[in-house]
Amino acid sequence: MTTKARLGYSVVLMKSQSFPESIPAPFSESELLSSAYRKGWNHGHGIACHNVPTLGAKVLSDSLGRVTVDADNIREVHEDACHAAESSSRDFSPFEFIAHEFNSDEENSEALWEAFEEGTSDAIRADLATYSDEDYGITSWGNPPAGFVDYRLPEAWASYLINGDSSGLEDAEIAACDAWFDALADKLLSCCECSEAKEFRTHNDAGTLAGDVLWFRFPIKGFRFPGAK
C-alpha cells in the first residue's frame, strides 16, 4: 500500500523490521555501542520506508543529477533519496536529542556516532533489499498493475481485440474470440494493449490449438483506482 508523501516520492509501509536481528562485531561488544547501532538502524529504517521514488517522477538525484525515475534507475534514486533525507534529518528534532546524547558523552562520542551511522546505513540497505519490482510499481507481462489482468491469447486476435478489426480472421477464429471474451465480459473491459514479442505455446488462456501467442492486458470492470472519485 502506498500513499503520496512529497513530490516524486511515496511511502511504502514498513518493509523490514525496525530493529536489527544482530549487531555487527565492532559494536556488539559494548551495550552502549549496540544501543547506538540500534538507534541508527531504526533511524535508517524509517528513512527508507518514507522515501520511495514514484515511477515517472522527475527528481534531483545526488549521483544521477536531474532524472526521470524509471525501472532502470529507481533503486539508485531510492538510495540517494535515503541518504539525502538522513543528512537533512540531522538539522531537526528528534535527531537533536540523539545528537545531544552522543555529543555529551565525551569519552565515547566518536564511537557512538560510528555505531549510529553504521546502523543507519545497514538499515537502509536492508530495507532496499526487500523491495521488489512490484513495490516500485514496475510491471511486466503476467504481472500487471492493480486493476488489470493479463492473458496469453492467440497472436492473430490482436487487431480484433484491440481495434475491433477482424480482417484476416476466419469466421471460426472470430467466433472463438467472441466466445472467450463473452464468457468474461462481466469482469473485463475491452483490451487496452498487448505485448510485442510473440512466442509459441502448446496451450493458451483461450484453450485454442497450439500456436503463436501474445500477452493481452484487460482493465478489470468496476475496479476503483486509488484517488479516483
Protein backbone atom coordinates (compact mmCIF):
# COMPACT_ATOMS: atom_id res chain seq x y z
CA MET A 1 0.00 0.00 0.00
CA THR A 2 1.45 3.39 -0.97
CA THR A 3 0.49 6.99 -0.25
CA LYS A 4 1.97 10.21 -1.57
CA ALA A 5 4.41 11.87 0.79
CA ARG A 6 6.16 14.59 -1.26
CA LEU A 7 6.77 15.40 -4.89
CA GLY A 8 8.38 12.45 -6.63
CA TYR A 9 8.33 10.17 -3.62
CA SER A 10 5.83 7.87 -1.93
CA VAL A 11 5.53 5.92 1.29
CA VAL A 12 5.61 2.14 1.33
CA LEU A 13 4.52 0.79 4.69
CA MET A 14 7.26 -0.94 6.62
CA LYS A 15 9.23 -3.41 4.55
CA SER A 16 11.80 -4.71 7.05
CA GLN A 17 11.87 -4.75 10.83
CA SER A 18 12.51 -1.64 12.92
CA PHE A 19 15.42 -3.23 14.77
CA PRO A 20 18.26 -5.46 13.51
CA GLU A 21 18.35 -9.20 14.14
CA SER A 22 22.04 -8.96 15.04
CA ILE A 23 24.67 -6.33 15.85
CA PRO A 24 27.92 -6.24 13.81
CA ALA A 25 31.04 -7.30 15.68
CA PRO A 26 32.59 -3.82 16.04
CA PHE A 27 29.59 -2.67 18.08
CA SER A 28 28.22 -5.82 19.69
CA GLU A 29 30.86 -5.98 22.43
CA SER A 30 29.52 -2.86 24.13
CA GLU A 31 25.93 -2.34 25.20
CA LEU A 32 26.44 1.39 24.73
CA LEU A 33 27.55 0.95 21.11
CA SER A 34 24.91 -1.72 20.50
CA SER A 35 22.26 0.77 21.60
CA ALA A 36 23.68 3.43 19.28
CA TYR A 37 23.67 0.97 16.37
CA ARG A 38 20.04 0.00 17.06
CA LYS A 39 19.06 3.68 17.13
CA GLY A 40 20.84 4.18 13.81
CA TRP A 41 19.08 1.15 12.32
CA ASN A 42 15.67 2.40 13.41
CA HIS A 43 16.53 5.83 12.01
CA GLY A 44 17.61 4.37 8.64
CA HIS A 45 14.62 2.01 8.50
CA GLY A 46 12.18 4.90 8.83
CA ILE A 47 14.02 6.90 6.19
CA ALA A 48 13.99 4.02 3.68
CA CYS A 49 10.25 3.45 4.16
CA HIS A 50 9.35 7.10 3.63
CA ASN A 51 11.46 7.97 0.59
CA VAL A 52 10.37 5.52 -2.10
CA PRO A 53 10.51 7.17 -5.55
CA THR A 54 7.49 7.22 -7.84
CA LEU A 55 7.93 5.89 -11.38
CA GLY A 56 7.76 8.74 -13.88
CA ALA A 57 8.57 11.44 -11.32
CA LYS A 58 11.27 13.99 -12.14
CA VAL A 59 13.70 14.22 -9.23
CA LEU A 60 17.15 15.58 -8.45
CA SER A 61 19.47 12.71 -7.55
CA ASP A 62 22.89 13.29 -5.99
CA SER A 63 24.57 10.67 -8.18
CA LEU A 64 22.43 10.90 -11.33
CA GLY A 65 21.50 14.59 -11.43
CA ARG A 66 18.02 15.59 -12.56
CA VAL A 67 16.35 12.46 -13.88
CA THR A 68 13.00 10.92 -14.62
CA VAL A 69 12.54 7.88 -12.38
CA ASP A 70 12.29 4.66 -14.38
CA ALA A 71 12.72 0.93 -13.87
CA ASP A 72 16.47 1.13 -14.52
CA ASN A 73 17.38 3.89 -12.06
CA ILE A 74 14.69 3.66 -9.36
CA ARG A 75 16.83 1.73 -6.88
CA GLU A 76 19.75 4.15 -7.18
CA VAL A 77 17.39 7.12 -6.88
CA HIS A 78 15.83 5.49 -3.80
CA GLU A 79 19.21 5.04 -2.10
CA ASP A 80 20.27 8.60 -2.93
CA ALA A 81 16.99 9.94 -1.54
CA CYS A 82 17.51 7.96 1.67
CA HIS A 83 20.98 9.34 2.31
CA ALA A 84 19.91 12.88 1.41
CA ALA A 85 16.98 12.62 3.82
CA GLU A 86 19.24 11.23 6.53
CA SER A 87 21.60 14.17 6.12
CA SER A 88 18.74 16.68 6.25
CA SER A 89 17.22 14.99 9.29
CA ARG A 90 20.22 15.98 11.40
CA ASP A 91 19.04 19.56 11.40
CA PHE A 92 15.75 18.77 13.11
CA SER A 93 14.33 17.04 16.16
CA PRO A 94 14.10 14.24 17.27
CA PHE A 95 17.59 13.73 15.86
CA GLU A 96 18.77 16.64 18.02
CA PHE A 97 18.08 14.52 21.10
CA ILE A 98 20.29 11.71 19.80
CA ALA A 99 22.99 14.20 18.85
CA HIS A 100 22.89 15.74 22.31
CA GLU A 101 23.16 12.30 23.93
CA PHE A 102 26.16 11.26 21.83
CA ASN A 103 27.97 14.60 21.99
CA SER A 104 27.56 14.80 25.75
CA ASP A 105 29.49 11.55 26.22
CA GLU A 106 32.97 12.91 25.56
CA GLU A 107 34.69 9.59 26.21
CA ASN A 108 32.56 7.57 23.75
CA SER A 109 31.18 10.23 21.40
CA GLU A 110 33.17 9.22 18.31
CA ALA A 111 32.44 5.51 18.73
CA LEU A 112 28.74 6.20 19.35
CA TRP A 113 28.50 8.18 16.13
CA GLU A 114 30.29 5.43 14.22
CA ALA A 115 27.86 2.82 15.55
CA PHE A 116 24.85 5.02 14.83
CA GLU A 117 25.93 5.78 11.25
CA GLU A 118 26.72 2.13 10.59
CA GLY A 119 23.30 1.14 11.91
CA THR A 120 21.63 3.77 9.72
CA SER A 121 23.42 2.61 6.56
CA ASP A 122 22.77 -1.07 7.30
CA ALA A 123 19.07 -0.41 7.85
CA ILE A 124 18.76 1.47 4.56
CA ARG A 125 20.47 -1.37 2.70
CA ALA A 126 18.33 -3.98 4.49
CA ASP A 127 15.12 -2.14 3.61
CA LEU A 128 16.07 -1.62 -0.01
CA ALA A 129 16.94 -5.31 -0.35
CA THR A 130 13.32 -6.23 0.44
CA TYR A 131 11.76 -4.06 -2.28
CA SER A 132 10.52 -5.98 -5.31
CA ASP A 133 9.70 -4.63 -8.76
CA GLU A 134 6.05 -4.68 -7.74
CA ASP A 135 6.77 -2.44 -4.73
CA TYR A 136 8.31 0.12 -7.06
CA GLY A 137 5.38 -0.10 -9.47
CA ILE A 138 7.45 -1.86 -12.13
CA THR A 139 5.17 -4.21 -14.02
CA SER A 140 5.78 -6.92 -16.59
CA TRP A 141 3.61 -9.15 -18.74
CA GLY A 142 1.97 -11.70 -16.48
CA ASN A 143 2.49 -9.32 -13.53
CA PRO A 144 0.06 -6.48 -14.33
CA PRO A 145 -0.52 -3.39 -12.21
CA ALA A 146 -3.51 -3.22 -9.87
CA GLY A 147 -6.79 -3.05 -11.75
CA PHE A 148 -5.63 -5.06 -14.74
CA VAL A 149 -5.33 -8.72 -15.71
CA ASP A 150 -3.14 -10.37 -18.37
CA TYR A 151 -3.99 -13.35 -20.57
CA ARG A 152 -1.97 -15.31 -23.11
CA LEU A 153 -4.10 -15.43 -26.26
CA PRO A 154 -3.59 -16.18 -29.98
CA GLU A 155 -1.46 -13.58 -31.75
CA ALA A 156 -3.99 -13.47 -34.60
CA TRP A 157 -6.59 -11.98 -32.24
CA ALA A 158 -4.59 -8.81 -31.55
CA SER A 159 -6.12 -6.46 -34.10
CA TYR A 160 -9.64 -7.72 -33.36
CA LEU A 161 -9.36 -7.43 -29.57
CA ILE A 162 -7.66 -4.03 -29.54
CA ASN A 163 -9.03 -2.29 -32.65
CA GLY A 164 -12.15 -4.28 -33.49
CA ASP A 165 -10.62 -5.17 -36.85
CA SER A 166 -11.49 -8.75 -37.76
CA SER A 167 -9.95 -8.67 -41.26
CA GLY A 168 -7.60 -11.60 -41.72
CA LEU A 169 -9.53 -13.81 -39.30
CA GLU A 170 -11.58 -16.82 -40.31
CA ASP A 171 -15.20 -16.95 -39.13
CA ALA A 172 -14.26 -19.73 -36.73
CA GLU A 173 -11.47 -17.59 -35.21
CA ILE A 174 -13.84 -14.65 -34.75
CA ALA A 175 -16.39 -16.93 -33.09
CA ALA A 176 -13.73 -18.38 -30.76
CA CYS A 177 -12.52 -14.93 -29.75
CA ASP A 178 -16.06 -13.66 -29.18
CA ALA A 179 -16.94 -16.72 -27.12
CA TRP A 180 -13.86 -16.33 -24.94
CA PHE A 181 -14.45 -12.63 -24.27
CA ASP A 182 -18.21 -13.00 -23.79
CA ALA A 183 -17.56 -15.54 -21.04
CA LEU A 184 -15.58 -12.86 -19.15
CA ALA A 185 -17.48 -9.76 -20.26
CA ASP A 186 -18.99 -9.23 -16.81
CA LYS A 187 -15.46 -8.98 -15.35
CA LEU A 188 -13.38 -7.28 -18.05
CA LEU A 189 -13.36 -4.10 -20.11
CA SER A 190 -12.01 -4.04 -23.66
CA CYS A 191 -8.38 -4.99 -24.21
CA CYS A 192 -6.07 -1.97 -23.85
CA GLU A 193 -2.71 -3.32 -25.05
CA CYS A 194 -0.72 -6.40 -25.92
CA SER A 195 2.91 -7.48 -25.88
CA GLU A 196 5.11 -7.18 -28.96
CA ALA A 197 7.13 -10.39 -28.81
CA LYS A 198 5.21 -13.48 -29.80
CA GLU A 199 6.03 -16.96 -28.51
CA PHE A 200 4.88 -20.43 -29.47
CA ARG A 201 2.71 -22.18 -26.87
CA THR A 202 1.03 -25.54 -26.91
CA HIS A 203 -1.64 -24.08 -24.60
CA ASN A 204 -3.10 -20.62 -24.06
CA ASP A 205 -5.73 -19.00 -21.84
CA ALA A 206 -8.41 -19.30 -24.52
CA GLY A 207 -7.95 -23.05 -24.86
CA THR A 208 -7.36 -22.92 -28.61
CA LEU A 209 -4.90 -25.01 -30.61
CA ALA A 210 -1.14 -24.63 -30.23
CA GLY A 211 0.34 -21.58 -31.96
CA ASP A 212 1.93 -18.16 -31.51
CA VAL A 213 0.57 -16.15 -28.61
CA LEU A 214 0.90 -12.67 -27.13
CA TRP A 215 0.11 -11.26 -23.71
CA PHE A 216 -3.11 -9.20 -23.72
CA ARG A 217 -3.95 -6.77 -20.91
CA PHE A 218 -7.52 -6.01 -19.86
CA PRO A 219 -8.83 -3.49 -17.31
CA ILE A 220 -10.92 -5.10 -14.57
CA LYS A 221 -14.50 -3.87 -14.69
CA GLY A 222 -15.54 -1.93 -11.58
CA PHE A 223 -12.01 -1.57 -10.19
CA ARG A 224 -11.60 1.73 -8.30
CA PHE A 225 -8.15 3.16 -8.81
CA PRO A 226 -6.60 4.98 -5.83
CA GLY A 227 -7.63 8.63 -5.88
CA ALA A 228 -10.48 8.07 -8.33
CA LYS A 229 -13.74 9.81 -7.49
